[in-house]
């Protein structure tokens, strides 16, 4: 599942038209006319359609702490996304790709994994992300080869027993 959670038309067009996005289908592009609250509701409802092991990709602008729009029209923190995943995808065991810019090893995907651990949610799930800028029209890596991508950093959610 590929979710475009930005109003940027370049990112949306790339998701719609790039051959590299096809393996991530189904594709969901949030309607750019939605308010933050409406977009959050649609995003939450969309995540409920995610299969138990289906790869998930969030494509947006981003940094180490949040994803969404460069102009802050929409923004979600890693804590927001972790909460949506915990509530909407219990038992999920697939891989998550944050297809957005970041700049540090402690990036959005690693923060997301720790937030999920703190919620005792999605044990065993891998979160992947970049720690560099990513072009708006960047290709999508194959969902079944995320662990082999040298430009991606992976962090596994490991929930400690008893908590």
C-alpha atoms as a PDB file:
ATOM      1  CA  UNK A   1       0.000   0.000   0.000  1.00  0.00           C
ATOM      2  CA  UNK A   2       1.333   3.399  -1.020  1.00  0.00           C
ATOM      3  CA  UNK A   3      -0.172   6.460   0.658  1.00  0.00           C
ATOM      4  CA  UNK A   4       0.686   9.917  -0.626  1.00  0.00           C
ATOM      5  CA  UNK A   5       0.203  12.153   2.395  1.00  0.00           C
ATOM      6  CA  UNK A   6       1.234  15.488   0.946  1.00  0.00           C
ATOM      7  CA  UNK A   7      -0.450  18.021  -1.326  1.00  0.00           C
ATOM      8  CA  UNK A   8       2.714  18.266  -3.478  1.00  0.00           C
ATOM      9  CA  UNK A   9       1.627  17.512  -7.061  1.00  0.00           C
ATOM     10  CA  UNK A  10       5.103  16.259  -8.060  1.00  0.00           C
ATOM     11  CA  UNK A  11       5.081  13.589  -5.352  1.00  0.00           C
ATOM     12  CA  UNK A  12       1.480  12.615  -6.221  1.00  0.00           C
ATOM     13  CA  UNK A  13       2.229  12.461  -9.967  1.00  0.00           C
ATOM     14  CA  UNK A  14       5.343  10.366  -9.342  1.00  0.00           C
ATOM     15  CA  UNK A  15       3.314   7.906  -7.272  1.00  0.00           C
ATOM     16  CA  UNK A  16       0.634   7.739  -9.977  1.00  0.00           C
ATOM     17  CA  UNK A  17       2.955   7.454 -12.981  1.00  0.00           C
ATOM     18  CA  UNK A  18       6.305   5.954 -12.013  1.00  0.00           C
ATOM     19  CA  UNK A  19       6.752   2.264 -12.833  1.00  0.00           C
ATOM     20  CA  UNK A  20       8.588   1.970  -9.500  1.00  0.00           C
ATOM     21  CA  UNK A  21       5.360   2.669  -7.587  1.00  0.00           C
ATOM     22  CA  UNK A  22       3.363  -0.207  -9.136  1.00  0.00           C
ATOM     23  CA  UNK A  23       4.693  -2.907  -6.749  1.00  0.00           C
ATOM     24  CA  UNK A  24       3.363  -0.802  -3.863  1.00  0.00           C
ATOM     25  CA  UNK A  25      -0.271  -0.874  -5.081  1.00  0.00           C
ATOM     26  CA  UNK A  26      -2.894  -0.140  -4.026  1.00  0.00           C
ATOM     27  CA  UNK A  27      -2.208   3.583  -4.252  1.00  0.00           C
ATOM     28  CA  UNK A  28      -4.044   6.158  -2.144  1.00  0.00           C
ATOM     29  CA  UNK A  29      -3.492   9.863  -2.747  1.00  0.00           C
ATOM     30  CA  UNK A  30      -5.069  12.051  -0.092  1.00  0.00           C
ATOM     31  CA  UNK A  31      -7.272  14.789  -1.580  1.00  0.00           C
ATOM     32  CA  UNK A  32      -5.316  18.063  -1.452  1.00  0.00           C
ATOM     33  CA  UNK A  33      -8.449  20.021  -0.573  1.00  0.00           C
ATOM     34  CA  UNK A  34      -8.828  18.268   2.791  1.00  0.00           C
ATOM     35  CA  UNK A  35      -8.123  20.048   6.070  1.00  0.00           C
ATOM     36  CA  UNK A  36      -5.594  18.562   8.496  1.00  0.00           C
ATOM     37  CA  UNK A  37      -8.397  16.957  10.507  1.00  0.00           C
ATOM     38  CA  UNK A  38     -10.082  15.520   7.396  1.00  0.00           C
ATOM     39  CA  UNK A  39      -6.784  14.224   5.990  1.00  0.00           C
ATOM     40  CA  UNK A  40      -6.009  12.547   9.324  1.00  0.00           C
ATOM     41  CA  UNK A  41      -9.404  10.838   9.295  1.00  0.00           C
ATOM     42  CA  UNK A  42      -8.909   9.598   5.708  1.00  0.00           C
ATOM     43  CA  UNK A  43      -5.379   8.420   6.527  1.00  0.00           C
ATOM     44  CA  UNK A  44      -6.662   6.558   9.588  1.00  0.00           C
ATOM     45  CA  UNK A  45      -9.438   4.889   7.572  1.00  0.00           C
ATOM     46  CA  UNK A  46      -7.032   3.982   4.762  1.00  0.00           C
ATOM     47  CA  UNK A  47      -4.660   2.237   7.174  1.00  0.00           C
ATOM     48  CA  UNK A  48      -7.522  -0.034   8.282  1.00  0.00           C
ATOM     49  CA  UNK A  49      -7.438  -1.555   4.759  1.00  0.00           C
ATOM     50  CA  UNK A  50      -3.810  -2.647   5.155  1.00  0.00           C
ATOM     51  CA  UNK A  51      -3.204  -6.389   4.990  1.00  0.00           C
ATOM     52  CA  UNK A  52      -1.391  -8.089   7.869  1.00  0.00           C
ATOM     53  CA  UNK A  53       1.912  -8.412   5.987  1.00  0.00           C
ATOM     54  CA  UNK A  54       1.335  -5.973   3.104  1.00  0.00           C
ATOM     55  CA  UNK A  55       4.204  -3.505   2.609  1.00  0.00           C
ATOM     56  CA  UNK A  56       3.291   0.079   3.517  1.00  0.00           C
ATOM     57  CA  UNK A  57       4.828   3.257   2.135  1.00  0.00           C
ATOM     58  CA  UNK A  58       4.149   6.821   3.241  1.00  0.00           C
ATOM     59  CA  UNK A  59       5.289   9.268   0.544  1.00  0.00           C
ATOM     60  CA  UNK A  60       5.522  12.909   1.580  1.00  0.00           C
ATOM     61  CA  UNK A  61       7.842  15.733   2.431  1.00  0.00           C
ATOM     62  CA  UNK A  62       9.496  15.209   5.758  1.00  0.00           C
ATOM     63  CA  UNK A  63      12.270  15.565   8.234  1.00  0.00           C
ATOM     64  CA  UNK A  64      13.425  13.526  11.204  1.00  0.00           C
ATOM     65  CA  UNK A  65      10.313  14.320  13.263  1.00  0.00           C
ATOM     66  CA  UNK A  66       7.351  14.748  10.915  1.00  0.00           C
ATOM     67  CA  UNK A  67       5.979  14.005   7.450  1.00  0.00           C
ATOM     68  CA  UNK A  68       3.402  15.823   5.341  1.00  0.00           C
ATOM     69  CA  UNK A  69       3.770  19.080   3.439  1.00  0.00           C
ATOM     70  CA  UNK A  70       6.745  21.372   3.068  1.00  0.00           C
ATOM     71  CA  UNK A  71       4.448  24.328   3.788  1.00  0.00           C
ATOM     72  CA  UNK A  72       2.920  22.730   6.914  1.00  0.00           C
ATOM     73  CA  UNK A  73      -0.582  22.421   5.388  1.00  0.00           C
ATOM     74  CA  UNK A  74      -0.566  18.827   6.630  1.00  0.00           C
ATOM     75  CA  UNK A  75       1.887  17.434   9.163  1.00  0.00           C
ATOM     76  CA  UNK A  76       2.019  14.258  11.190  1.00  0.00           C
ATOM     77  CA  UNK A  77       4.648  13.456  13.784  1.00  0.00           C
ATOM     78  CA  UNK A  78       6.093   9.975  14.183  1.00  0.00           C
ATOM     79  CA  UNK A  79       3.929   9.739  17.328  1.00  0.00           C
ATOM     80  CA  UNK A  80       0.792  10.549  15.310  1.00  0.00           C
ATOM     81  CA  UNK A  81       1.608   7.858  12.742  1.00  0.00           C
ATOM     82  CA  UNK A  82       2.493   5.334  15.475  1.00  0.00           C
ATOM     83  CA  UNK A  83      -0.891   5.928  17.122  1.00  0.00           C
ATOM     84  CA  UNK A  84      -2.733   5.468  13.830  1.00  0.00           C
ATOM     85  CA  UNK A  85      -0.830   2.249  13.150  1.00  0.00           C
ATOM     86  CA  UNK A  86      -1.409   0.923  16.664  1.00  0.00           C
ATOM     87  CA  UNK A  87      -5.164   1.552  16.467  1.00  0.00           C
ATOM     88  CA  UNK A  88      -5.777   0.765  12.797  1.00  0.00           C
ATOM     89  CA  UNK A  89      -3.437  -2.148  12.095  1.00  0.00           C
ATOM     90  CA  UNK A  90      -3.208  -4.378  15.182  1.00  0.00           C
ATOM     91  CA  UNK A  91      -1.026  -7.394  14.548  1.00  0.00           C
ATOM     92  CA  UNK A  92       0.621  -5.843  11.484  1.00  0.00           C
ATOM     93  CA  UNK A  93       3.892  -7.591  10.560  1.00  0.00           C
ATOM     94  CA  UNK A  94       4.820  -5.990   7.233  1.00  0.00           C
ATOM     95  CA  UNK A  95       7.496  -3.454   6.364  1.00  0.00           C
ATOM     96  CA  UNK A  96       7.000   0.305   6.465  1.00  0.00           C
ATOM     97  CA  UNK A  97       8.869   2.720   4.205  1.00  0.00           C
ATOM     98  CA  UNK A  98       8.989   6.432   4.929  1.00  0.00           C
ATOM     99  CA  UNK A  99       9.600   7.824   1.428  1.00  0.00           C
ATOM    100  CA  UNK A 100      10.540  11.309   2.601  1.00  0.00           C
ATOM    101  CA  UNK A 101      13.559  13.430   3.418  1.00  0.00           C
ATOM    102  CA  UNK A 102      15.423  13.064   6.681  1.00  0.00           C
ATOM    103  CA  UNK A 103      18.853  14.168   7.805  1.00  0.00           C
ATOM    104  CA  UNK A 104      20.048  12.043  10.711  1.00  0.00           C
ATOM    105  CA  UNK A 105      20.435   8.443  11.790  1.00  0.00           C
ATOM    106  CA  UNK A 106      17.783   9.250  14.363  1.00  0.00           C
ATOM    107  CA  UNK A 107      15.290   9.874  11.573  1.00  0.00           C
ATOM    108  CA  UNK A 108      11.517   9.582  11.174  1.00  0.00           C
ATOM    109  CA  UNK A 109      11.567   5.818  10.624  1.00  0.00           C
ATOM    110  CA  UNK A 110      13.730   5.086  13.665  1.00  0.00           C
ATOM    111  CA  UNK A 111      11.633   7.443  15.788  1.00  0.00           C
ATOM    112  CA  UNK A 112       8.510   5.673  14.510  1.00  0.00           C
ATOM    113  CA  UNK A 113       9.919   2.270  15.506  1.00  0.00           C
ATOM    114  CA  UNK A 114      10.708   3.492  19.035  1.00  0.00           C
ATOM    115  CA  UNK A 115       7.255   5.098  19.347  1.00  0.00           C
ATOM    116  CA  UNK A 116       5.661   1.780  18.361  1.00  0.00           C
ATOM    117  CA  UNK A 117       7.834  -0.041  20.909  1.00  0.00           C
ATOM    118  CA  UNK A 118       6.685   2.413  23.587  1.00  0.00           C
ATOM    119  CA  UNK A 119       3.079   1.625  22.628  1.00  0.00           C
ATOM    120  CA  UNK A 120       3.864  -2.131  22.704  1.00  0.00           C
ATOM    121  CA  UNK A 121       2.562  -2.264  19.135  1.00  0.00           C
ATOM    122  CA  UNK A 122       3.549  -4.000  15.880  1.00  0.00           C
ATOM    123  CA  UNK A 123       6.284  -6.182  17.367  1.00  0.00           C
ATOM    124  CA  UNK A 124       8.639  -7.434  14.659  1.00  0.00           C
ATOM    125  CA  UNK A 125       7.689  -4.806  12.077  1.00  0.00           C
ATOM    126  CA  UNK A 126      10.551  -3.100  10.230  1.00  0.00           C
ATOM    127  CA  UNK A 127      10.492   0.656   9.558  1.00  0.00           C
ATOM    128  CA  UNK A 128      12.769   1.938   6.786  1.00  0.00           C
ATOM    129  CA  UNK A 129      13.696   5.478   5.918  1.00  0.00           C
ATOM    130  CA  UNK A 130      16.297   7.767   4.484  1.00  0.00           C
ATOM    131  CA  UNK A 131      18.749   9.982   6.358  1.00  0.00           C
ATOM    132  CA  UNK A 132      19.331  12.308   3.444  1.00  0.00           C
ATOM    133  CA  UNK A 133      17.320  14.603   1.174  1.00  0.00           C
ATOM    134  CA  UNK A 134      15.062  12.827  -1.310  1.00  0.00           C
ATOM    135  CA  UNK A 135      13.886  14.397  -4.575  1.00  0.00           C
ATOM    136  CA  UNK A 136      10.132  14.924  -4.938  1.00  0.00           C
ATOM    137  CA  UNK A 137      10.182  12.677  -8.006  1.00  0.00           C
ATOM    138  CA  UNK A 138      12.401   9.985  -6.459  1.00  0.00           C
ATOM    139  CA  UNK A 139      11.718   6.418  -7.528  1.00  0.00           C
ATOM    140  CA  UNK A 140      10.329   3.928  -5.036  1.00  0.00           C
ATOM    141  CA  UNK A 141      12.509   0.976  -4.025  1.00  0.00           C
ATOM    142  CA  UNK A 142      10.964  -2.480  -4.489  1.00  0.00           C
ATOM    143  CA  UNK A 143       8.944  -3.353  -1.370  1.00  0.00           C
ATOM    144  CA  UNK A 144      10.440  -6.845  -1.206  1.00  0.00           C
ATOM    145  CA  UNK A 145      14.016  -5.526  -1.305  1.00  0.00           C
ATOM    146  CA  UNK A 146      14.004  -2.799   1.352  1.00  0.00           C
ATOM    147  CA  UNK A 147      16.602  -4.589   3.486  1.00  0.00           C
ATOM    148  CA  UNK A 148      18.988  -4.699   0.509  1.00  0.00           C
ATOM    149  CA  UNK A 149      18.775  -0.954  -0.282  1.00  0.00           C
ATOM    150  CA  UNK A 150      22.076   0.604   0.813  1.00  0.00           C
ATOM    151  CA  UNK A 151      20.521   4.082   1.039  1.00  0.00           C
ATOM    152  CA  UNK A 152      17.799   2.972   3.474  1.00  0.00           C
ATOM    153  CA  UNK A 153      18.117   2.579   7.214  1.00  0.00           C
ATOM    154  CA  UNK A 154      16.002  -0.119   8.822  1.00  0.00           C
ATOM    155  CA  UNK A 155      14.865  -0.261  12.431  1.00  0.00           C
ATOM    156  CA  UNK A 156      12.928  -3.217  13.796  1.00  0.00           C
ATOM    157  CA  UNK A 157      10.176  -2.755  16.357  1.00  0.00           C
ATOM    158  CA  UNK A 158      11.086  -4.958  19.325  1.00  0.00           C
ATOM    159  CA  UNK A 159       8.523  -4.934  22.099  1.00  0.00           C
ATOM    160  CA  UNK A 160       9.991  -6.126  25.382  1.00  0.00           C
ATOM    161  CA  UNK A 161       7.946  -8.797  27.095  1.00  0.00           C
ATOM    162  CA  UNK A 162       5.862  -7.459  29.900  1.00  0.00           C
ATOM    163  CA  UNK A 163       5.621  -4.034  28.407  1.00  0.00           C
END
